[in-house]
C-alpha atoms as a PDB file:
ATOM      1  CA  UNK A   1      -7.739  -6.102  -5.208  1.00  0.00           C
ATOM      2  CA  UNK A   2      -4.630  -8.178  -5.731  1.00  0.00           C
ATOM      3  CA  UNK A   3      -4.820 -11.907  -5.426  1.00  0.00           C
ATOM      4  CA  UNK A   4      -2.543 -14.569  -6.782  1.00  0.00           C
ATOM      5  CA  UNK A   5      -4.359 -17.305  -8.638  1.00  0.00           C
ATOM      6  CA  UNK A   6      -2.778 -20.533  -9.806  1.00  0.00           C
ATOM      7  CA  UNK A   7      -4.480 -22.336 -12.681  1.00  0.00           C
ATOM      8  CA  UNK A   8      -3.650 -25.994 -13.003  1.00  0.00           C
ATOM      9  CA  UNK A   9      -5.193 -26.598 -16.417  1.00  0.00           C
ATOM     10  CA  UNK A  10      -6.084 -24.891 -19.653  1.00  0.00           C
ATOM     11  CA  UNK A  11      -9.769 -25.133 -18.709  1.00  0.00           C
ATOM     12  CA  UNK A  12      -9.151 -23.275 -15.421  1.00  0.00           C
ATOM     13  CA  UNK A  13      -7.239 -20.555 -17.316  1.00  0.00           C
ATOM     14  CA  UNK A  14     -10.082 -20.241 -19.825  1.00  0.00           C
ATOM     15  CA  UNK A  15     -12.694 -19.957 -17.050  1.00  0.00           C
ATOM     16  CA  UNK A  16     -10.603 -17.419 -15.170  1.00  0.00           C
ATOM     17  CA  UNK A  17     -10.137 -15.373 -18.341  1.00  0.00           C
ATOM     18  CA  UNK A  18     -13.875 -15.362 -19.004  1.00  0.00           C
ATOM     19  CA  UNK A  19     -14.577 -14.331 -15.406  1.00  0.00           C
ATOM     20  CA  UNK A  20     -12.074 -11.467 -15.642  1.00  0.00           C
ATOM     21  CA  UNK A  21     -13.684 -10.188 -18.863  1.00  0.00           C
ATOM     22  CA  UNK A  22     -17.160 -10.360 -17.296  1.00  0.00           C
ATOM     23  CA  UNK A  23     -15.939  -8.577 -14.154  1.00  0.00           C
ATOM     24  CA  UNK A  24     -14.329  -5.850 -16.266  1.00  0.00           C
ATOM     25  CA  UNK A  25     -17.563  -5.293 -18.219  1.00  0.00           C
ATOM     26  CA  UNK A  26     -19.640  -5.119 -15.031  1.00  0.00           C
ATOM     27  CA  UNK A  27     -17.173  -2.718 -13.437  1.00  0.00           C
ATOM     28  CA  UNK A  28     -17.308  -0.403 -16.462  1.00  0.00           C
ATOM     29  CA  UNK A  29     -21.115  -0.364 -16.268  1.00  0.00           C
ATOM     30  CA  UNK A  30     -21.105   0.249 -12.519  1.00  0.00           C
ATOM     31  CA  UNK A  31     -18.756   3.238 -12.856  1.00  0.00           C
ATOM     32  CA  UNK A  32     -20.332   4.654 -16.005  1.00  0.00           C
ATOM     33  CA  UNK A  33     -23.732   5.295 -14.370  1.00  0.00           C
ATOM     34  CA  UNK A  34     -22.530   7.414 -11.429  1.00  0.00           C
ATOM     35  CA  UNK A  35     -20.014   9.330 -13.562  1.00  0.00           C
ATOM     36  CA  UNK A  36     -22.694  10.099 -16.157  1.00  0.00           C
ATOM     37  CA  UNK A  37     -25.076  11.226 -13.435  1.00  0.00           C
ATOM     38  CA  UNK A  38     -22.376  13.400 -11.883  1.00  0.00           C
ATOM     39  CA  UNK A  39     -21.570  14.968 -15.255  1.00  0.00           C
ATOM     40  CA  UNK A  40     -25.255  15.588 -15.967  1.00  0.00           C
ATOM     41  CA  UNK A  41     -25.789  17.258 -12.616  1.00  0.00           C
ATOM     42  CA  UNK A  42     -22.511  19.207 -12.624  1.00  0.00           C
ATOM     43  CA  UNK A  43     -21.605  19.856 -16.280  1.00  0.00           C
ATOM     44  CA  UNK A  44     -18.470  21.768 -15.313  1.00  0.00           C
ATOM     45  CA  UNK A  45     -16.816  18.688 -13.779  1.00  0.00           C
ATOM     46  CA  UNK A  46     -13.590  17.914 -15.581  1.00  0.00           C
ATOM     47  CA  UNK A  47     -11.569  14.826 -16.306  1.00  0.00           C
ATOM     48  CA  UNK A  48      -9.124  15.858 -13.586  1.00  0.00           C
ATOM     49  CA  UNK A  49     -11.861  15.839 -10.942  1.00  0.00           C
ATOM     50  CA  UNK A  50     -13.200  12.455 -12.033  1.00  0.00           C
ATOM     51  CA  UNK A  51      -9.670  11.085 -12.193  1.00  0.00           C
ATOM     52  CA  UNK A  52      -9.059  12.101  -8.581  1.00  0.00           C
ATOM     53  CA  UNK A  53     -12.305  10.418  -7.539  1.00  0.00           C
ATOM     54  CA  UNK A  54     -11.184   7.240  -9.310  1.00  0.00           C
ATOM     55  CA  UNK A  55      -7.807   7.482  -7.542  1.00  0.00           C
ATOM     56  CA  UNK A  56      -9.580   7.710  -4.206  1.00  0.00           C
ATOM     57  CA  UNK A  57     -11.620   4.645  -5.082  1.00  0.00           C
ATOM     58  CA  UNK A  58      -8.361   2.806  -5.643  1.00  0.00           C
ATOM     59  CA  UNK A  59      -9.627  -0.271  -7.491  1.00  0.00           C
ATOM     60  CA  UNK A  60     -10.016   1.075 -11.012  1.00  0.00           C
ATOM     61  CA  UNK A  61      -7.892  -0.502 -13.737  1.00  0.00           C
ATOM     62  CA  UNK A  62      -6.153   1.552 -16.380  1.00  0.00           C
ATOM     63  CA  UNK A  63      -8.550   0.331 -19.074  1.00  0.00           C
ATOM     64  CA  UNK A  64     -11.655   1.127 -17.041  1.00  0.00           C
ATOM     65  CA  UNK A  65     -10.248   4.549 -16.132  1.00  0.00           C
ATOM     66  CA  UNK A  66      -9.667   5.286 -19.816  1.00  0.00           C
ATOM     67  CA  UNK A  67     -13.172   4.144 -20.747  1.00  0.00           C
ATOM     68  CA  UNK A  68     -14.760   6.274 -18.016  1.00  0.00           C
ATOM     69  CA  UNK A  69     -12.759   9.369 -18.971  1.00  0.00           C
ATOM     70  CA  UNK A  70     -13.493   8.827 -22.688  1.00  0.00           C
ATOM     71  CA  UNK A  71     -17.189   8.511 -21.867  1.00  0.00           C
ATOM     72  CA  UNK A  72     -17.045  11.742 -19.868  1.00  0.00           C
ATOM     73  CA  UNK A  73     -15.346  13.510 -22.764  1.00  0.00           C
ATOM     74  CA  UNK A  74     -17.908  12.244 -25.299  1.00  0.00           C
ATOM     75  CA  UNK A  75     -20.861  13.273 -23.139  1.00  0.00           C
ATOM     76  CA  UNK A  76     -19.547  16.765 -22.378  1.00  0.00           C
ATOM     77  CA  UNK A  77     -22.219  19.368 -22.956  1.00  0.00           C
ATOM     78  CA  UNK A  78     -22.099  23.170 -22.885  1.00  0.00           C
ATOM     79  CA  UNK A  79     -22.991  24.806 -19.587  1.00  0.00           C
ATOM     80  CA  UNK A  80     -26.685  25.680 -19.382  1.00  0.00           C
ATOM     81  CA  UNK A  81     -27.685  29.336 -19.151  1.00  0.00           C
ATOM     82  CA  UNK A  82     -27.639  30.514 -15.560  1.00  0.00           C
ATOM     83  CA  UNK A  83     -25.598  27.548 -14.320  1.00  0.00           C
ATOM     84  CA  UNK A  84     -23.294  28.459 -11.445  1.00  0.00           C
ATOM     85  CA  UNK A  85     -20.082  26.485 -11.903  1.00  0.00           C
ATOM     86  CA  UNK A  86     -18.950  24.433  -8.926  1.00  0.00           C
ATOM     87  CA  UNK A  87     -16.019  22.308 -10.078  1.00  0.00           C
ATOM     88  CA  UNK A  88     -14.432  24.948 -12.304  1.00  0.00           C
ATOM     89  CA  UNK A  89     -13.250  26.800  -9.200  1.00  0.00           C
ATOM     90  CA  UNK A  90     -11.758  23.705  -7.546  1.00  0.00           C
ATOM     91  CA  UNK A  91      -8.100  23.294  -8.508  1.00  0.00           C
ATOM     92  CA  UNK A  92      -6.801  19.762  -8.903  1.00  0.00           C
ATOM     93  CA  UNK A  93      -3.209  19.020  -7.961  1.00  0.00           C
ATOM     94  CA  UNK A  94      -1.259  16.667 -10.232  1.00  0.00           C
ATOM     95  CA  UNK A  95      -2.067  13.107  -9.280  1.00  0.00           C
ATOM     96  CA  UNK A  96       0.461  11.155  -7.293  1.00  0.00           C
ATOM     97  CA  UNK A  97      -0.914   8.155  -9.165  1.00  0.00           C
ATOM     98  CA  UNK A  98      -0.260   9.509 -12.652  1.00  0.00           C
ATOM     99  CA  UNK A  99       1.248   6.169 -13.634  1.00  0.00           C
ATOM    100  CA  UNK A 100      -2.320   4.793 -13.691  1.00  0.00           C
ATOM    101  CA  UNK A 101      -3.505   7.206 -16.343  1.00  0.00           C
ATOM    102  CA  UNK A 102      -3.340   6.506 -20.052  1.00  0.00           C
ATOM    103  CA  UNK A 103      -0.683   8.732 -21.633  1.00  0.00           C
ATOM    104  CA  UNK A 104      -3.292  10.769 -23.528  1.00  0.00           C
ATOM    105  CA  UNK A 105      -5.077  11.636 -20.280  1.00  0.00           C
ATOM    106  CA  UNK A 106      -2.085  12.717 -18.197  1.00  0.00           C
ATOM    107  CA  UNK A 107      -2.203  16.339 -19.261  1.00  0.00           C
ATOM    108  CA  UNK A 108       1.531  16.672 -18.795  1.00  0.00           C
ATOM    109  CA  UNK A 109       3.592  18.492 -21.349  1.00  0.00           C
END
C-alpha cells in the first residue's frame, strides 16, 4: 500500500515512526506463521517458491521478505523417510520482481 503522509510536527513524525515499526513487527509475525506451517507440511518447498508467493501477495517489504526467507532457511529440515516431494518438481521462473529481493537471495550469478 502506498500512501503519502504529511507530518506537521516532530510529535506526528515520532508517532508515525512508532506505528510503522509496530506494523512491520505484526506483518512479520503474520507471515511467519503460514510460511512455517507450509514448510512443516511440505519440507521440500524452497525459497524460490516462497518468494513467488510473496510476489503474488504484493505487499511485502524487502525487510520482511528477507526475514521470512531467512526464517525458512533456518527451519529447513531433511525430508522425512517416505516423503513424496511436491515442490521439488515445480520449476520456478526467475522473478520479474527480482529488484525486491535482498542481493543474497537473488540466486543470480
